[in-house]
N, C-alpha and C. Protein backbone atom coordinates (compact mmCIF):
# COMPACT_ATOMS: atom_id res chain seq x y z
N MET A 1 23.08 260.53 43.61
CA MET A 1 23.56 260.33 42.25
C MET A 1 22.43 259.83 41.38
N SER A 2 22.33 260.35 40.17
CA SER A 2 21.22 259.99 39.31
C SER A 2 21.39 258.60 38.73
N ARG A 3 20.27 258.00 38.36
CA ARG A 3 20.28 256.65 37.81
C ARG A 3 20.45 256.73 36.30
N VAL A 4 21.70 256.93 35.87
CA VAL A 4 22.04 257.04 34.45
C VAL A 4 23.20 256.10 34.17
N CYS A 5 23.11 255.37 33.06
CA CYS A 5 24.19 254.47 32.66
C CYS A 5 25.38 255.32 32.22
N GLU A 6 26.56 254.99 32.72
CA GLU A 6 27.75 255.79 32.44
C GLU A 6 28.33 255.51 31.06
N LEU A 7 27.94 254.41 30.42
CA LEU A 7 28.47 254.10 29.10
C LEU A 7 27.51 254.42 27.96
N THR A 8 26.21 254.25 28.19
CA THR A 8 25.25 254.48 27.11
C THR A 8 24.41 255.73 27.31
N GLY A 9 24.37 256.26 28.54
CA GLY A 9 23.56 257.45 28.81
C GLY A 9 22.09 257.15 29.02
N LYS A 10 21.72 255.87 29.13
CA LYS A 10 20.32 255.52 29.36
C LYS A 10 19.88 256.03 30.72
N LYS A 11 18.64 256.55 30.78
CA LYS A 11 18.08 257.03 32.04
C LYS A 11 16.60 256.72 32.08
N ALA A 12 15.93 257.15 33.14
CA ALA A 12 14.53 256.83 33.34
C ALA A 12 13.65 257.48 32.28
N MET A 13 12.58 256.75 31.90
CA MET A 13 11.58 257.28 30.98
C MET A 13 10.28 257.47 31.76
N VAL A 14 9.39 258.31 31.23
CA VAL A 14 8.11 258.58 31.88
C VAL A 14 7.00 257.97 31.03
N GLY A 15 6.03 257.36 31.73
CA GLY A 15 4.90 256.75 31.03
C GLY A 15 3.68 256.76 31.93
N ASN A 16 2.74 255.88 31.62
CA ASN A 16 1.48 255.82 32.36
C ASN A 16 1.24 254.42 32.90
N ASN A 17 0.67 254.36 34.12
CA ASN A 17 0.03 253.14 34.59
C ASN A 17 -1.38 253.17 34.03
N VAL A 18 -1.81 252.10 33.40
CA VAL A 18 -3.15 252.07 32.82
C VAL A 18 -3.94 250.97 33.52
N SER A 19 -5.04 251.37 34.17
CA SER A 19 -5.86 250.40 34.88
C SER A 19 -6.81 249.71 33.90
N HIS A 20 -7.55 248.73 34.42
CA HIS A 20 -8.52 248.00 33.60
C HIS A 20 -9.62 248.94 33.08
N ALA A 21 -9.91 249.98 33.88
CA ALA A 21 -10.91 250.97 33.48
C ALA A 21 -10.31 252.08 32.62
N MET A 22 -9.05 251.88 32.16
CA MET A 22 -8.33 252.82 31.30
C MET A 22 -8.02 254.15 31.98
N ASN A 23 -7.98 254.16 33.33
CA ASN A 23 -7.51 255.34 34.05
C ASN A 23 -5.99 255.39 33.93
N LYS A 24 -5.46 256.58 33.71
CA LYS A 24 -4.02 256.72 33.50
C LYS A 24 -3.40 257.58 34.60
N THR A 25 -2.35 257.07 35.22
CA THR A 25 -1.58 257.83 36.20
C THR A 25 -0.12 257.76 35.80
N LYS A 26 0.61 258.83 36.07
CA LYS A 26 2.02 258.91 35.66
C LYS A 26 2.86 257.91 36.45
N ARG A 27 3.86 257.36 35.79
CA ARG A 27 4.84 256.48 36.43
C ARG A 27 6.18 256.65 35.76
N LYS A 28 7.20 256.03 36.35
CA LYS A 28 8.55 256.15 35.83
C LYS A 28 9.08 254.76 35.50
N PHE A 29 9.71 254.62 34.34
CA PHE A 29 10.39 253.39 33.96
C PHE A 29 11.88 253.60 34.18
N ASP A 30 12.42 253.01 35.25
CA ASP A 30 13.85 253.18 35.55
C ASP A 30 14.69 252.30 34.64
N ALA A 31 15.90 252.74 34.35
CA ALA A 31 16.84 251.94 33.59
C ALA A 31 17.32 250.78 34.47
N ASN A 32 17.62 249.64 33.85
CA ASN A 32 18.08 248.46 34.57
C ASN A 32 19.59 248.59 34.78
N LEU A 33 19.98 249.19 35.92
CA LEU A 33 21.39 249.52 36.17
C LEU A 33 22.02 248.60 37.19
N ILE A 34 23.31 248.33 36.99
CA ILE A 34 24.09 247.48 37.87
C ILE A 34 25.42 248.18 38.14
N LYS A 35 25.87 248.15 39.39
CA LYS A 35 27.19 248.68 39.74
C LYS A 35 28.19 247.54 39.58
N LYS A 36 29.20 247.71 38.72
CA LYS A 36 30.09 246.62 38.36
C LYS A 36 31.52 247.11 38.28
N ARG A 37 32.47 246.26 38.73
CA ARG A 37 33.90 246.57 38.63
C ARG A 37 34.47 245.92 37.38
N PHE A 38 35.29 246.67 36.66
CA PHE A 38 35.94 246.16 35.46
C PHE A 38 37.44 246.34 35.57
N TYR A 39 38.18 245.37 35.06
CA TYR A 39 39.63 245.43 35.03
C TYR A 39 40.06 245.90 33.65
N ILE A 40 40.87 246.95 33.61
CA ILE A 40 41.39 247.47 32.35
C ILE A 40 42.86 247.08 32.27
N PRO A 41 43.22 246.11 31.40
CA PRO A 41 44.61 245.64 31.36
C PRO A 41 45.60 246.68 30.83
N GLU A 42 45.16 247.59 29.94
CA GLU A 42 46.06 248.61 29.39
C GLU A 42 46.55 249.56 30.49
N GLU A 43 45.64 249.93 31.41
CA GLU A 43 45.99 250.83 32.49
C GLU A 43 46.37 250.07 33.76
N ASP A 44 46.16 248.77 33.78
CA ASP A 44 46.47 247.89 34.91
C ASP A 44 45.78 248.37 36.19
N ASN A 45 44.47 248.68 36.08
CA ASN A 45 43.71 249.04 37.28
C ASN A 45 42.25 248.65 37.11
N TRP A 46 41.52 248.71 38.23
CA TRP A 46 40.10 248.40 38.27
C TRP A 46 39.31 249.70 38.31
N ILE A 47 38.16 249.73 37.62
CA ILE A 47 37.26 250.87 37.71
C ILE A 47 35.87 250.35 38.02
N THR A 48 35.09 251.16 38.72
CA THR A 48 33.71 250.81 39.05
C THR A 48 32.80 251.72 38.22
N LEU A 49 31.89 251.09 37.48
CA LEU A 49 30.95 251.83 36.65
C LEU A 49 29.53 251.42 36.98
N LYS A 50 28.60 252.35 36.83
CA LYS A 50 27.18 252.04 36.93
C LYS A 50 26.66 251.90 35.50
N VAL A 51 26.44 250.65 35.06
CA VAL A 51 26.09 250.38 33.67
C VAL A 51 24.75 249.67 33.58
N SER A 52 24.09 249.84 32.44
CA SER A 52 22.86 249.11 32.18
C SER A 52 23.20 247.70 31.74
N THR A 53 22.23 246.81 31.83
CA THR A 53 22.48 245.42 31.45
C THR A 53 22.73 245.30 29.95
N SER A 54 22.15 246.18 29.15
CA SER A 54 22.43 246.15 27.71
C SER A 54 23.86 246.60 27.44
N ALA A 55 24.39 247.51 28.27
CA ALA A 55 25.79 247.92 28.13
C ALA A 55 26.72 246.78 28.53
N LEU A 56 26.31 245.96 29.51
CA LEU A 56 27.09 244.79 29.90
C LEU A 56 27.22 243.82 28.73
N LYS A 57 26.13 243.62 27.99
CA LYS A 57 26.18 242.75 26.82
C LYS A 57 27.12 243.31 25.76
N THR A 58 27.13 244.63 25.61
CA THR A 58 28.03 245.27 24.66
C THR A 58 29.48 245.10 25.10
N ILE A 59 29.74 245.24 26.40
CA ILE A 59 31.09 245.06 26.92
C ILE A 59 31.56 243.63 26.69
N ASN A 60 30.68 242.66 26.90
CA ASN A 60 31.05 241.27 26.66
C ASN A 60 31.35 241.02 25.19
N LYS A 61 30.71 241.78 24.32
CA LYS A 61 30.89 241.58 22.87
C LYS A 61 32.14 242.28 22.34
N ILE A 62 32.32 243.58 22.67
CA ILE A 62 33.43 244.34 22.07
C ILE A 62 34.59 244.57 23.02
N GLY A 63 34.40 244.33 24.32
CA GLY A 63 35.46 244.54 25.30
C GLY A 63 35.30 245.87 26.03
N ILE A 64 35.86 245.93 27.23
CA ILE A 64 35.71 247.12 28.07
C ILE A 64 36.47 248.31 27.51
N SER A 65 37.64 248.09 26.93
CA SER A 65 38.44 249.20 26.42
C SER A 65 37.72 249.89 25.25
N ALA A 66 37.17 249.10 24.34
CA ALA A 66 36.45 249.67 23.19
C ALA A 66 35.17 250.36 23.64
N ALA A 67 34.49 249.81 24.65
CA ALA A 67 33.25 250.41 25.14
C ALA A 67 33.52 251.75 25.81
N ILE A 68 34.62 251.84 26.57
CA ILE A 68 34.98 253.10 27.22
C ILE A 68 35.38 254.14 26.18
N LYS A 69 36.13 253.70 25.17
CA LYS A 69 36.54 254.63 24.11
C LYS A 69 35.32 255.18 23.37
N GLU A 70 34.35 254.32 23.10
CA GLU A 70 33.13 254.74 22.41
C GLU A 70 32.31 255.70 23.28
N ALA A 71 32.24 255.45 24.59
CA ALA A 71 31.50 256.32 25.50
C ALA A 71 32.15 257.69 25.61
N LYS A 72 33.49 257.72 25.56
CA LYS A 72 34.18 259.00 25.62
C LYS A 72 33.93 259.83 24.36
N THR A 73 33.87 259.19 23.19
CA THR A 73 33.61 259.94 21.96
C THR A 73 32.19 260.48 21.92
N LYS A 74 31.24 259.74 22.54
CA LYS A 74 29.86 260.21 22.58
C LYS A 74 29.62 261.20 23.71
N GLY A 75 30.58 261.34 24.64
CA GLY A 75 30.48 262.33 25.69
C GLY A 75 29.79 261.84 26.95
N PHE A 76 29.58 260.53 27.12
CA PHE A 76 28.95 260.01 28.32
C PHE A 76 29.95 259.82 29.45
N LEU A 77 31.21 259.62 29.12
CA LEU A 77 32.25 259.35 30.11
C LEU A 77 33.33 260.39 29.97
N LYS A 78 33.91 260.84 31.08
CA LYS A 78 34.94 261.87 31.04
C LYS A 78 36.26 261.29 30.61
């Protein structure tokens, strides 16, 4: 399974390792993802999502129901 946030769509970026001598080699910046269980009171069940830590902050701010609704409108969640 790919390392993509299920709520925001964040995924790995590509960049360079730069040495002291300014030699550049390709590297990957992975998204900071966490597997977390959330309780949805409207549906009265638990769901497990792979979310980024920035999405966790958003969930704490607006709530899980609003975050899921927003992700569905943007097309990140089915």
